[in-house]
N, C-alpha and C. Protein backbone atom coordinates (compact mmCIF):
# COMPACT_ATOMS: atom_id res chain seq x y z
N MET A 1 0.84 -1.18 0.00
CA MET A 1 0.00 0.00 0.00
C MET A 1 0.89 1.23 0.00
N SER A 2 0.56 2.17 -0.84
CA SER A 2 1.35 3.40 -0.92
C SER A 2 1.02 4.32 0.25
N SER A 3 1.89 5.30 0.50
CA SER A 3 1.63 6.29 1.54
C SER A 3 0.35 7.07 1.25
N ALA A 4 0.15 7.40 -0.03
CA ALA A 4 -1.05 8.15 -0.42
C ALA A 4 -2.31 7.34 -0.14
N SER A 5 -2.28 6.05 -0.45
CA SER A 5 -3.44 5.18 -0.18
C SER A 5 -3.71 5.07 1.31
N ALA A 6 -2.64 4.93 2.10
CA ALA A 6 -2.79 4.83 3.55
C ALA A 6 -3.40 6.11 4.11
N ARG A 7 -2.92 7.26 3.65
CA ARG A 7 -3.47 8.53 4.12
C ARG A 7 -4.95 8.66 3.74
N ALA A 8 -5.30 8.26 2.54
CA ALA A 8 -6.70 8.34 2.09
C ALA A 8 -7.61 7.48 2.97
N ILE A 9 -7.15 6.30 3.34
CA ILE A 9 -7.95 5.42 4.20
C ILE A 9 -8.11 6.03 5.58
N VAL A 10 -7.02 6.53 6.15
CA VAL A 10 -7.08 7.15 7.48
C VAL A 10 -7.98 8.37 7.46
N MET A 11 -7.90 9.17 6.40
CA MET A 11 -8.75 10.36 6.30
C MET A 11 -10.23 9.98 6.22
N GLU A 12 -10.54 8.91 5.52
CA GLU A 12 -11.93 8.45 5.44
C GLU A 12 -12.43 7.99 6.81
N VAL A 13 -11.60 7.27 7.55
CA VAL A 13 -11.97 6.84 8.90
C VAL A 13 -12.19 8.07 9.79
N GLU A 14 -11.30 9.05 9.69
CA GLU A 14 -11.45 10.28 10.48
C GLU A 14 -12.80 10.94 10.18
N ARG A 15 -13.19 11.00 8.91
CA ARG A 15 -14.48 11.60 8.55
C ARG A 15 -15.65 10.85 9.19
N THR A 16 -15.57 9.51 9.21
CA THR A 16 -16.66 8.72 9.82
C THR A 16 -16.73 8.96 11.33
N LEU A 17 -15.62 9.40 11.94
CA LEU A 17 -15.58 9.69 13.37
C LEU A 17 -15.97 11.15 13.68
N GLY A 18 -16.32 11.91 12.64
CA GLY A 18 -16.76 13.29 12.84
C GLY A 18 -15.64 14.32 12.77
N PHE A 19 -14.46 13.90 12.33
CA PHE A 19 -13.33 14.82 12.19
C PHE A 19 -13.26 15.34 10.76
N GLU A 20 -12.56 16.45 10.58
CA GLU A 20 -12.30 17.01 9.26
C GLU A 20 -10.79 16.97 9.02
N PRO A 21 -10.32 15.93 8.34
CA PRO A 21 -8.88 15.77 8.13
C PRO A 21 -8.35 16.59 6.95
N THR A 22 -7.08 17.00 7.09
CA THR A 22 -6.38 17.71 6.02
C THR A 22 -5.05 17.02 5.79
N ASP A 23 -4.77 16.66 4.55
CA ASP A 23 -3.50 16.02 4.21
C ASP A 23 -2.38 17.07 4.23
N ARG A 24 -1.40 16.88 5.09
CA ARG A 24 -0.29 17.83 5.23
C ARG A 24 1.05 17.17 4.90
N GLU A 25 1.02 16.03 4.20
CA GLU A 25 2.21 15.25 3.87
C GLU A 25 3.34 16.10 3.30
N PHE A 26 3.03 16.95 2.37
CA PHE A 26 4.08 17.67 1.65
C PHE A 26 4.49 18.98 2.31
N ASP A 27 3.90 19.28 3.48
CA ASP A 27 4.27 20.48 4.22
C ASP A 27 5.45 20.24 5.14
N LYS A 28 5.85 18.97 5.33
CA LYS A 28 7.01 18.59 6.14
C LYS A 28 6.93 19.17 7.56
N LEU A 29 5.82 18.87 8.24
CA LEU A 29 5.59 19.39 9.58
C LEU A 29 5.83 18.36 10.69
N GLY A 30 6.16 17.13 10.31
CA GLY A 30 6.37 16.08 11.30
C GLY A 30 5.15 15.20 11.50
N TYR A 31 4.12 15.41 10.69
CA TYR A 31 2.93 14.58 10.68
C TYR A 31 2.34 14.64 9.28
N GLU A 32 1.45 13.69 8.98
CA GLU A 32 0.86 13.64 7.64
C GLU A 32 -0.55 14.22 7.58
N ILE A 33 -1.31 14.09 8.67
CA ILE A 33 -2.71 14.52 8.66
C ILE A 33 -2.99 15.39 9.88
N ALA A 34 -3.57 16.56 9.65
CA ALA A 34 -4.12 17.38 10.73
C ALA A 34 -5.62 17.11 10.70
N SER A 35 -6.19 16.75 11.84
CA SER A 35 -7.59 16.36 11.87
C SER A 35 -8.31 17.10 12.99
N SER A 36 -9.35 17.85 12.64
CA SER A 36 -10.08 18.63 13.64
C SER A 36 -11.52 18.14 13.76
N LYS A 37 -12.07 18.33 14.94
CA LYS A 37 -13.47 17.96 15.19
C LYS A 37 -14.22 19.24 15.50
N PRO A 38 -15.00 19.76 14.53
CA PRO A 38 -15.68 21.04 14.69
C PRO A 38 -16.57 21.13 15.93
N SER A 39 -17.20 20.03 16.31
CA SER A 39 -18.13 20.07 17.44
C SER A 39 -17.44 20.31 18.78
N THR A 40 -16.13 19.99 18.85
CA THR A 40 -15.40 20.15 20.12
C THR A 40 -14.20 21.08 20.00
N GLY A 41 -13.76 21.36 18.77
CA GLY A 41 -12.56 22.16 18.57
C GLY A 41 -11.29 21.34 18.73
N ARG A 42 -11.43 20.04 18.95
CA ARG A 42 -10.27 19.17 19.13
C ARG A 42 -9.46 19.12 17.84
N LEU A 43 -8.14 19.18 17.98
CA LEU A 43 -7.24 19.10 16.83
C LEU A 43 -6.17 18.08 17.14
N ARG A 44 -5.97 17.15 16.24
CA ARG A 44 -4.91 16.17 16.45
C ARG A 44 -4.08 16.04 15.19
N PHE A 45 -2.84 15.60 15.39
CA PHE A 45 -1.88 15.48 14.30
C PHE A 45 -1.49 14.02 14.19
N LEU A 46 -1.69 13.43 13.02
CA LEU A 46 -1.48 11.99 12.84
C LEU A 46 -0.32 11.71 11.89
N GLU A 47 0.50 10.77 12.31
CA GLU A 47 1.56 10.26 11.45
C GLU A 47 1.05 8.93 10.91
N VAL A 48 1.15 8.74 9.61
CA VAL A 48 0.61 7.55 8.95
C VAL A 48 1.73 6.81 8.23
N LYS A 49 1.83 5.52 8.48
CA LYS A 49 2.82 4.68 7.80
C LYS A 49 2.09 3.58 7.04
N GLY A 50 2.29 3.53 5.74
CA GLY A 50 1.69 2.50 4.90
C GLY A 50 2.49 2.37 3.63
N ARG A 51 3.73 1.98 3.75
CA ARG A 51 4.66 2.06 2.62
C ARG A 51 4.99 0.75 1.92
N ILE A 52 4.43 -0.35 2.38
CA ILE A 52 4.78 -1.63 1.78
C ILE A 52 3.63 -2.09 0.88
N THR A 53 3.91 -2.24 -0.40
CA THR A 53 2.89 -2.69 -1.35
C THR A 53 2.36 -4.05 -0.94
N GLY A 54 1.05 -4.16 -0.88
CA GLY A 54 0.41 -5.42 -0.52
C GLY A 54 0.21 -5.62 0.97
N ALA A 55 0.67 -4.69 1.79
CA ALA A 55 0.52 -4.82 3.24
C ALA A 55 -0.95 -4.70 3.63
N ALA A 56 -1.34 -5.44 4.65
CA ALA A 56 -2.73 -5.42 5.11
C ALA A 56 -2.94 -4.46 6.27
N THR A 57 -1.87 -3.81 6.74
CA THR A 57 -2.00 -2.93 7.90
C THR A 57 -1.46 -1.53 7.61
N ILE A 58 -1.97 -0.58 8.38
CA ILE A 58 -1.51 0.80 8.34
C ILE A 58 -1.19 1.17 9.79
N THR A 59 -0.08 1.82 10.01
CA THR A 59 0.27 2.28 11.36
C THR A 59 -0.06 3.76 11.46
N VAL A 60 -0.79 4.13 12.53
CA VAL A 60 -1.16 5.51 12.76
C VAL A 60 -0.71 5.89 14.17
N ALA A 61 -0.03 7.04 14.28
CA ALA A 61 0.41 7.54 15.59
C ALA A 61 -0.09 8.96 15.77
N ASN A 62 -0.56 9.26 16.96
CA ASN A 62 -0.96 10.62 17.31
C ASN A 62 0.31 11.33 17.75
N VAL A 63 0.72 12.36 17.02
CA VAL A 63 1.96 13.07 17.30
C VAL A 63 1.75 14.01 18.48
N VAL A 64 2.54 13.80 19.52
CA VAL A 64 2.49 14.65 20.71
C VAL A 64 3.87 15.24 20.92
N PRO A 65 4.01 16.54 20.82
CA PRO A 65 5.33 17.16 20.95
C PRO A 65 5.84 17.16 22.39
N ALA A 66 7.16 17.21 22.56
CA ALA A 66 7.77 17.25 23.89
C ALA A 66 7.39 18.53 24.63
N ASP A 67 7.28 19.65 23.91
CA ASP A 67 6.91 20.93 24.50
C ASP A 67 5.65 21.43 23.78
N PRO A 68 4.46 20.98 24.23
CA PRO A 68 3.23 21.31 23.50
C PRO A 68 2.99 22.80 23.29
N ALA A 69 3.28 23.63 24.27
CA ALA A 69 3.03 25.08 24.13
C ALA A 69 3.89 25.67 23.02
N LYS A 70 5.16 25.31 23.00
CA LYS A 70 6.06 25.82 21.96
C LYS A 70 5.65 25.29 20.60
N TRP A 71 5.32 24.02 20.54
CA TRP A 71 4.94 23.39 19.28
C TRP A 71 3.67 24.02 18.73
N CYS A 72 2.68 24.25 19.60
CA CYS A 72 1.43 24.88 19.15
C CYS A 72 1.70 26.28 18.62
N ALA A 73 2.59 27.00 19.28
CA ALA A 73 2.93 28.35 18.81
C ALA A 73 3.56 28.29 17.43
N LEU A 74 4.44 27.33 17.20
CA LEU A 74 5.09 27.17 15.90
C LEU A 74 4.09 26.79 14.81
N MET A 75 3.08 25.98 15.18
CA MET A 75 2.08 25.51 14.22
C MET A 75 0.94 26.51 14.02
N GLY A 76 0.91 27.58 14.85
CA GLY A 76 -0.14 28.57 14.71
C GLY A 76 -1.47 28.16 15.32
N VAL A 77 -1.42 27.28 16.32
CA VAL A 77 -2.64 26.87 17.01
C VAL A 77 -2.46 27.05 18.52
N GLU A 78 -3.58 27.18 19.22
CA GLU A 78 -3.56 27.25 20.67
C GLU A 78 -3.90 25.88 21.22
N ALA A 79 -3.68 25.69 22.50
CA ALA A 79 -4.04 24.43 23.13
C ALA A 79 -5.51 24.12 22.87
N TRP A 80 -5.85 22.86 22.79
CA TRP A 80 -7.19 22.36 22.54
C TRP A 80 -7.64 22.58 21.10
N GLY A 81 -6.70 22.87 20.20
CA GLY A 81 -6.99 22.88 18.78
C GLY A 81 -7.61 24.13 18.23
N LYS A 82 -7.66 25.21 19.00
CA LYS A 82 -8.21 26.45 18.45
C LYS A 82 -7.12 27.20 17.73
N GLU A 83 -7.44 27.73 16.56
CA GLU A 83 -6.44 28.47 15.78
C GLU A 83 -6.00 29.71 16.53
N ALA A 84 -4.69 29.95 16.48
CA ALA A 84 -4.15 31.15 17.11
C ALA A 84 -4.60 32.38 16.33
N LYS A 85 -4.80 33.45 17.04
CA LYS A 85 -5.23 34.70 16.38
C LYS A 85 -4.05 35.57 16.10
């Protein structure tokens, strides 16, 4: 399965869970998908691994920075997923 296919599958699952995912693969931010839940303002950053053709599994990790406040400032978001003003 290609990385693009793995991201597409994860994004579809995110949508079924009520999230609005955005593919950020080519932005080189340390994660592949930014996924927000409008009803709660929750924002999460997902790393997706699906690089072996024919593989039956996809690995997904929720990226949590060592210094969340600094990382959120760099990404332009506030804690709890609200966009920084």
